[in-house]
Amino acid sequence: MARRGKKKGRPVSGWLVLDKPVGMGSTEAVSKVKWLFQAEKAGHAGTLDPLASGMLPIALGEATKTVPYVQDGAKVYRFTVAWGEERSTDDLEGPVTKSSGNRPSQYDVRALLPKYTGVIMQTPPQFSAIKIAGERAYDLAREGETVEIPAREIEIGRLDIIAHEDGRTLFEVECGKGTYVRSLARDMGRDLGCFGHIADLRRTVVEPFTAEDFVTIEELEAAKPAPPEEGEMPAPDRYAALDGFLLDTSLALECLPQIVVGDDAAHKIRLGNPVIVRGRDAPVEAEEACVTARGRLVAIGAIEQGMFKPKRVFAG
């Protein structure tokens, strides 16, 4: 007896900017969204810890090809540091490992900010997804191992104090790829001589998306179509309400030079062929560029001597 093939799902594409709730892991959130949309394929751009809330951009279908460009975008977090305790996980989840009766003044905290602004070296937390000899650091940490994680270069665009009271400081930080906010809390606490850990963390921006793009799980569940009655043919537009929350895949590529081509050139590109780039403002050379036709994404590729050479093609 022939085995039935696994149901693939819908070929739906686009970005969903989920307002992830506290307590839900990033992988769980992606699985939930993929199930709600009955999508063929899904992925996310930038993990959020279960104890963190806020922006988790989720790519469906063809948008998964643009995930690296969103991962490289600047991010904004609001986070509260509770002074006086350092924890194994650098947040509320782990047990206290160090404590102090000292509490910094707002002046003390503000004086420290220049040290944590610009290009700095940062050591990721023991409980992180960094790979050590092929294993995730958090897996080793859960087994009781203390591993040496090398410091790496990150960039902090700005670090501002929003509020300071009752032994806690609320910050807002704009940072680049690879920044661990939990490490900021840990390192600032050590520098201030009082220790510290993250008590609350929310991501509000992942460029090019903003808080105006937020969608909640509750909104998605409310828009989920009811299953058809027995014997009833599913309506072709039954997912229209859900699909209305999706943002166009091309938004993730606004950071690249944009080239508009006609139908004939688009067809050639989708077949993997290079085409001459025309237009007064068209670049002659570009390591990466984005090509569209009739407002639809065609391909990402390089421009060499006025010729666009596709590297990653999108379905028409």
Protein backbone atom coordinates (compact mmCIF):
# COMPACT_ATOMS: atom_id res chain seq x y z
CA MET A 1 0.00 0.00 0.00
CA ALA A 2 1.46 3.37 -1.03
CA ARG A 3 2.18 5.77 1.79
CA ARG A 4 0.41 9.09 1.71
CA GLY A 5 2.63 12.10 1.28
CA LYS A 6 2.75 14.57 4.11
CA LYS A 7 0.42 17.51 3.58
CA LYS A 8 2.54 20.47 2.58
CA GLY A 9 0.29 23.36 3.52
CA ARG A 10 -0.43 26.61 1.71
CA PRO A 11 2.19 28.39 -0.42
CA VAL A 12 1.59 31.64 1.47
CA SER A 13 4.44 34.17 1.70
CA GLY A 14 5.16 37.33 3.67
CA TRP A 15 6.32 38.67 7.02
CA LEU A 16 4.28 38.56 10.22
CA VAL A 17 5.47 40.85 13.02
CA LEU A 18 4.35 38.95 16.10
CA ASP A 19 4.06 40.58 19.51
CA LYS A 20 5.36 37.51 21.33
CA PRO A 21 3.98 37.11 24.86
CA VAL A 22 6.06 36.26 27.92
CA GLY A 23 6.28 32.50 28.49
CA MET A 24 6.25 31.48 24.83
CA GLY A 25 9.50 30.36 23.20
CA SER A 26 10.46 31.57 19.72
CA THR A 27 10.26 28.08 18.20
CA GLU A 28 6.84 27.56 19.77
CA ALA A 29 5.67 30.91 18.37
CA VAL A 30 6.82 30.02 14.85
CA SER A 31 5.07 26.63 15.05
CA LYS A 32 1.87 28.29 16.23
CA VAL A 33 1.89 30.84 13.40
CA LYS A 34 2.76 28.19 10.81
CA TRP A 35 -0.21 26.09 12.01
CA LEU A 36 -2.63 29.04 12.05
CA PHE A 37 -1.71 29.98 8.47
CA GLN A 38 -1.35 26.35 7.36
CA ALA A 39 1.88 27.56 5.74
CA GLU A 40 4.33 25.34 3.87
CA LYS A 41 7.37 26.95 5.43
CA ALA A 42 8.17 29.34 8.30
CA GLY A 43 11.14 30.78 10.16
CA HIS A 44 12.03 33.71 12.41
CA ALA A 45 14.56 36.53 12.46
CA GLY A 46 16.16 36.79 15.88
CA THR A 47 15.36 34.60 18.89
CA LEU A 48 13.53 36.01 21.90
CA ASP A 49 13.88 34.25 25.27
CA PRO A 50 10.63 32.88 26.77
CA LEU A 51 10.83 35.51 29.54
CA ALA A 52 11.09 38.31 26.95
CA SER A 53 8.15 39.82 25.09
CA GLY A 54 7.77 41.87 21.96
CA MET A 55 8.81 41.80 18.35
CA LEU A 56 9.46 38.43 16.75
CA PRO A 57 9.42 38.80 12.95
CA ILE A 58 8.21 35.53 11.42
CA ALA A 59 8.79 34.74 7.76
CA LEU A 60 6.38 32.55 5.80
CA GLY A 61 7.11 30.89 2.47
CA GLU A 62 9.32 32.90 0.12
CA ALA A 63 10.00 35.42 2.90
CA THR A 64 12.25 32.85 4.60
CA LYS A 65 14.81 33.67 1.89
CA THR A 66 15.06 37.21 3.30
CA VAL A 67 15.56 36.26 6.97
CA PRO A 68 19.31 37.15 7.04
CA TYR A 69 18.55 40.76 6.05
CA VAL A 70 16.15 41.22 8.95
CA GLN A 71 18.53 39.50 11.37
CA ASP A 72 21.17 42.08 10.41
CA GLY A 73 18.83 45.00 11.12
CA ALA A 74 19.14 47.24 14.18
CA LYS A 75 17.02 46.31 17.19
CA VAL A 76 15.53 48.33 20.06
CA TYR A 77 14.84 46.86 23.50
CA ARG A 78 13.33 48.23 26.71
CA PHE A 79 14.65 46.39 29.73
CA THR A 80 14.65 46.66 33.49
CA VAL A 81 17.75 45.77 35.52
CA ALA A 82 17.19 44.74 39.13
CA TRP A 83 20.33 45.64 41.11
CA GLY A 84 21.70 43.61 44.01
CA GLU A 85 21.65 40.08 42.56
CA GLU A 86 23.44 38.23 39.78
CA ARG A 87 21.76 35.08 38.52
CA SER A 88 23.04 32.06 36.61
CA THR A 89 20.92 32.91 33.57
CA ASP A 90 21.33 36.70 33.94
CA ASP A 91 17.54 36.97 34.17
CA LEU A 92 14.74 35.91 36.55
CA GLU A 93 14.81 32.25 35.48
CA GLY A 94 18.06 31.20 37.18
CA PRO A 95 19.05 31.01 40.86
CA VAL A 96 20.97 33.79 42.57
CA THR A 97 24.75 33.29 42.33
CA LYS A 98 26.00 36.59 43.80
CA SER A 99 24.38 39.32 45.90
CA SER A 100 25.15 42.72 47.35
CA GLY A 101 23.50 45.23 49.62
CA ASN A 102 24.77 48.10 47.45
CA ARG A 103 22.35 49.98 45.21
CA PRO A 104 23.62 52.43 42.58
CA SER A 105 22.33 55.97 42.26
CA GLN A 106 21.02 57.21 38.94
CA TYR A 107 24.18 59.33 38.70
CA ASP A 108 26.35 56.21 39.11
CA VAL A 109 24.43 54.38 36.38
CA ARG A 110 24.49 57.33 34.00
CA ALA A 111 28.24 57.76 34.42
CA LEU A 112 28.70 54.16 33.26
CA LEU A 113 26.76 54.48 29.99
CA PRO A 114 29.61 55.75 27.74
CA LYS A 115 31.50 52.52 28.44
CA TYR A 116 28.58 50.58 26.95
CA THR A 117 27.99 52.75 23.88
CA GLY A 118 29.62 52.32 20.48
CA VAL A 119 31.62 49.27 19.42
CA ILE A 120 32.39 47.17 22.50
CA MET A 121 33.46 43.64 23.40
CA GLN A 122 30.80 41.48 25.04
CA THR A 123 30.83 37.94 26.45
CA PRO A 124 27.54 36.09 25.80
CA PRO A 125 25.73 34.51 28.77
CA GLN A 126 26.44 30.93 29.85
CA PHE A 127 22.80 30.22 29.02
CA SER A 128 22.90 31.21 25.34
CA ALA A 129 22.66 29.55 21.94
CA ILE A 130 26.36 30.06 21.25
CA LYS A 131 27.99 26.82 20.04
CA ILE A 132 30.98 25.51 22.02
CA ALA A 133 32.71 22.53 20.36
CA GLY A 134 29.52 21.80 18.46
CA GLU A 135 27.19 22.02 21.48
CA ARG A 136 24.89 24.84 22.57
CA ALA A 137 26.17 26.73 25.58
CA TYR A 138 22.79 26.48 27.34
CA ASP A 139 22.86 22.68 27.06
CA LEU A 140 26.29 22.57 28.70
CA ALA A 141 25.18 25.06 31.37
CA ARG A 142 22.12 22.94 32.22
CA GLU A 143 24.46 20.00 32.76
CA GLY A 144 26.38 22.07 35.32
CA GLU A 145 29.38 22.85 33.13
CA THR A 146 31.02 26.28 33.12
CA VAL A 147 32.43 26.99 29.69
CA GLU A 148 34.72 29.69 28.39
CA ILE A 149 32.77 31.73 25.86
CA PRO A 150 34.98 34.15 23.93
CA ALA A 151 34.03 37.82 23.92
CA ARG A 152 32.93 39.23 20.60
CA GLU A 153 32.49 42.65 19.06
CA ILE A 154 29.02 44.21 19.11
CA GLU A 155 27.69 47.70 18.47
CA ILE A 156 25.46 49.74 20.77
CA GLY A 157 23.96 52.74 18.95
CA ARG A 158 22.52 54.28 22.10
CA LEU A 159 21.77 53.34 25.70
CA ASP A 160 19.35 55.59 27.59
CA ILE A 161 17.94 55.64 31.12
CA ILE A 162 14.14 55.87 31.04
CA ALA A 163 13.50 55.58 34.80
CA HIS A 164 15.42 54.79 38.00
CA GLU A 165 13.80 53.95 41.34
CA ASP A 166 13.54 51.30 44.06
CA GLY A 167 16.78 49.57 43.17
CA ARG A 168 15.84 49.16 39.51
CA THR A 169 16.70 50.99 36.30
CA LEU A 170 14.63 50.98 33.12
CA PHE A 171 16.76 51.34 29.98
CA GLU A 172 16.20 51.60 26.25
CA VAL A 173 18.94 50.33 23.97
CA GLU A 174 19.42 50.40 20.22
CA CYS A 175 21.89 47.73 19.19
CA GLY A 176 23.21 45.62 16.34
CA LYS A 177 23.19 41.92 15.59
CA GLY A 178 24.53 39.55 18.24
CA THR A 179 23.96 41.80 21.28
CA TYR A 180 22.86 40.06 24.48
CA VAL A 181 20.89 42.43 26.70
CA ARG A 182 21.27 39.98 29.59
CA SER A 183 25.04 40.43 29.31
CA LEU A 184 24.62 44.21 29.53
CA ALA A 185 22.79 43.82 32.84
CA ARG A 186 25.40 41.38 34.19
CA ASP A 187 28.39 43.49 33.16
CA MET A 188 26.96 46.81 34.35
CA GLY A 189 26.14 45.24 37.72
CA ARG A 190 29.70 44.02 38.10
CA ASP A 191 31.13 47.41 37.13
CA LEU A 192 28.87 49.15 39.66
CA GLY A 193 29.89 46.67 42.38
CA CYS A 194 26.29 45.72 43.13
CA PHE A 195 25.50 42.95 40.59
CA GLY A 196 22.37 42.93 38.44
CA HIS A 197 20.05 40.87 36.27
CA ILE A 198 17.23 41.40 33.79
CA ALA A 199 13.85 41.66 35.49
CA ASP A 200 11.89 42.56 32.35
CA LEU A 201 12.77 42.62 28.65
CA ARG A 202 10.74 43.74 25.64
CA ARG A 203 11.87 44.13 22.02
CA THR A 204 10.08 47.00 20.31
CA VAL A 205 11.88 47.29 16.96
CA VAL A 206 13.62 44.99 14.50
CA GLU A 207 14.43 47.03 11.41
CA PRO A 208 12.72 47.56 9.04
CA PHE A 209 9.66 46.74 11.19
CA THR A 210 8.19 48.94 13.94
CA ALA A 211 5.61 48.59 16.72
CA GLU A 212 2.91 49.74 14.25
CA ASP A 213 3.31 46.34 12.55
CA PHE A 214 2.61 44.32 15.73
CA VAL A 215 0.08 41.46 15.60
CA THR A 216 -0.90 39.42 18.66
CA ILE A 217 -1.63 35.71 18.97
CA GLU A 218 -5.17 36.63 20.05
CA GLU A 219 -5.75 38.61 16.83
CA LEU A 220 -4.49 35.71 14.75
CA GLU A 221 -6.66 33.17 16.57
CA ALA A 222 -9.71 35.38 16.10
CA ALA A 223 -9.03 35.53 12.34
CA LYS A 224 -8.48 31.78 11.94
CA PRO A 225 -11.11 30.34 9.60
CA ALA A 226 -13.59 27.81 10.91
CA PRO A 227 -13.19 24.31 9.44
CA PRO A 228 -15.65 23.60 6.60
CA GLU A 229 -18.72 21.54 7.33
CA GLU A 230 -18.63 17.90 6.27
CA GLY A 231 -19.03 17.70 2.51
CA GLU A 232 -18.63 21.47 2.12
CA MET A 233 -15.99 22.83 -0.27
CA PRO A 234 -13.59 25.26 1.51
CA ALA A 235 -14.07 28.86 0.33
CA PRO A 236 -11.08 30.06 -1.74
CA ASP A 237 -10.78 33.21 0.39
CA ARG A 238 -11.21 31.52 3.77
CA TYR A 239 -7.72 32.68 4.89
CA ALA A 240 -8.18 36.27 3.71
CA ALA A 241 -8.48 37.70 7.23
CA LEU A 242 -5.29 35.99 8.37
CA ASP A 243 -3.37 36.82 5.20
CA GLY A 244 -4.31 40.46 5.69
CA PHE A 245 -1.85 40.61 8.61
CA LEU A 246 1.11 39.71 6.37
CA LEU A 247 3.60 42.31 5.18
CA ASP A 248 5.19 42.08 1.74
CA THR A 249 8.37 40.02 1.53
CA SER A 250 10.21 42.86 -0.23
CA LEU A 251 10.04 45.08 2.90
CA ALA A 252 12.92 43.05 4.34
CA LEU A 253 15.12 44.17 1.45
CA GLU A 254 14.70 47.93 1.70
CA CYS A 255 18.35 48.08 2.78
CA LEU A 256 19.45 46.99 -0.72
CA PRO A 257 19.61 49.00 -3.99
CA GLN A 258 16.25 48.62 -5.74
CA ILE A 259 16.09 47.81 -9.46
CA VAL A 260 12.82 47.78 -11.43
CA VAL A 261 12.68 45.63 -14.58
CA GLY A 262 10.10 44.73 -17.19
CA ASP A 263 8.32 41.44 -17.68
CA ASP A 264 10.81 40.05 -20.21
CA ALA A 265 13.82 40.77 -17.97
CA ALA A 266 11.98 39.35 -14.94
CA HIS A 267 11.31 36.12 -16.84
CA LYS A 268 14.99 35.79 -17.77
CA ILE A 269 16.08 36.46 -14.19
CA ARG A 270 13.69 33.85 -12.81
CA LEU A 271 15.31 31.34 -15.16
CA GLY A 272 18.67 32.22 -13.60
CA ASN A 273 19.95 34.39 -16.43
CA PRO A 274 21.80 37.71 -16.03
CA VAL A 275 20.30 40.88 -17.53
CA ILE A 276 21.61 44.36 -18.28
CA VAL A 277 20.51 46.92 -15.69
CA ARG A 278 18.99 49.98 -17.32
CA GLY A 279 17.95 53.34 -15.95
CA ARG A 280 19.65 56.63 -15.13
CA ASP A 281 20.02 55.85 -11.43
CA ALA A 282 20.86 52.16 -11.80
CA PRO A 283 24.14 51.22 -10.09
CA VAL A 284 26.99 49.83 -12.20
CA GLU A 285 28.39 47.78 -9.33
CA ALA A 286 26.71 46.41 -6.19
CA GLU A 287 27.52 43.39 -4.05
CA GLU A 288 23.80 42.89 -3.48
CA ALA A 289 20.71 44.40 -5.07
CA CYS A 290 16.99 43.68 -5.18
CA VAL A 291 15.04 43.39 -8.44
CA THR A 292 11.27 43.87 -8.69
CA ALA A 293 8.77 43.78 -11.55
CA ARG A 294 5.23 45.16 -11.35
CA GLY A 295 5.81 45.72 -7.65
CA ARG A 296 6.63 42.05 -7.03
CA LEU A 297 9.94 40.70 -5.82
CA VAL A 298 11.94 38.88 -8.51
CA ALA A 299 15.43 38.19 -7.16
CA ILE A 300 18.41 39.18 -5.05
CA GLY A 301 21.75 39.27 -6.79
CA ALA A 302 24.93 41.19 -7.60
CA ILE A 303 25.52 43.89 -10.20
CA GLU A 304 28.81 43.62 -12.02
CA GLN A 305 29.72 46.06 -14.80
CA GLY A 306 26.09 47.00 -15.27
CA MET A 307 24.88 43.39 -15.40
CA PHE A 308 22.51 41.97 -12.75
CA LYS A 309 23.38 38.37 -11.88
CA PRO A 310 20.69 36.60 -9.80
CA LYS A 311 21.73 34.65 -6.70
CA ARG A 312 18.34 34.00 -5.08
CA VAL A 313 15.15 33.93 -7.16
CA PHE A 314 11.61 34.33 -5.84
CA ALA A 315 8.44 32.69 -7.15
CA GLY A 316 6.39 34.91 -9.41
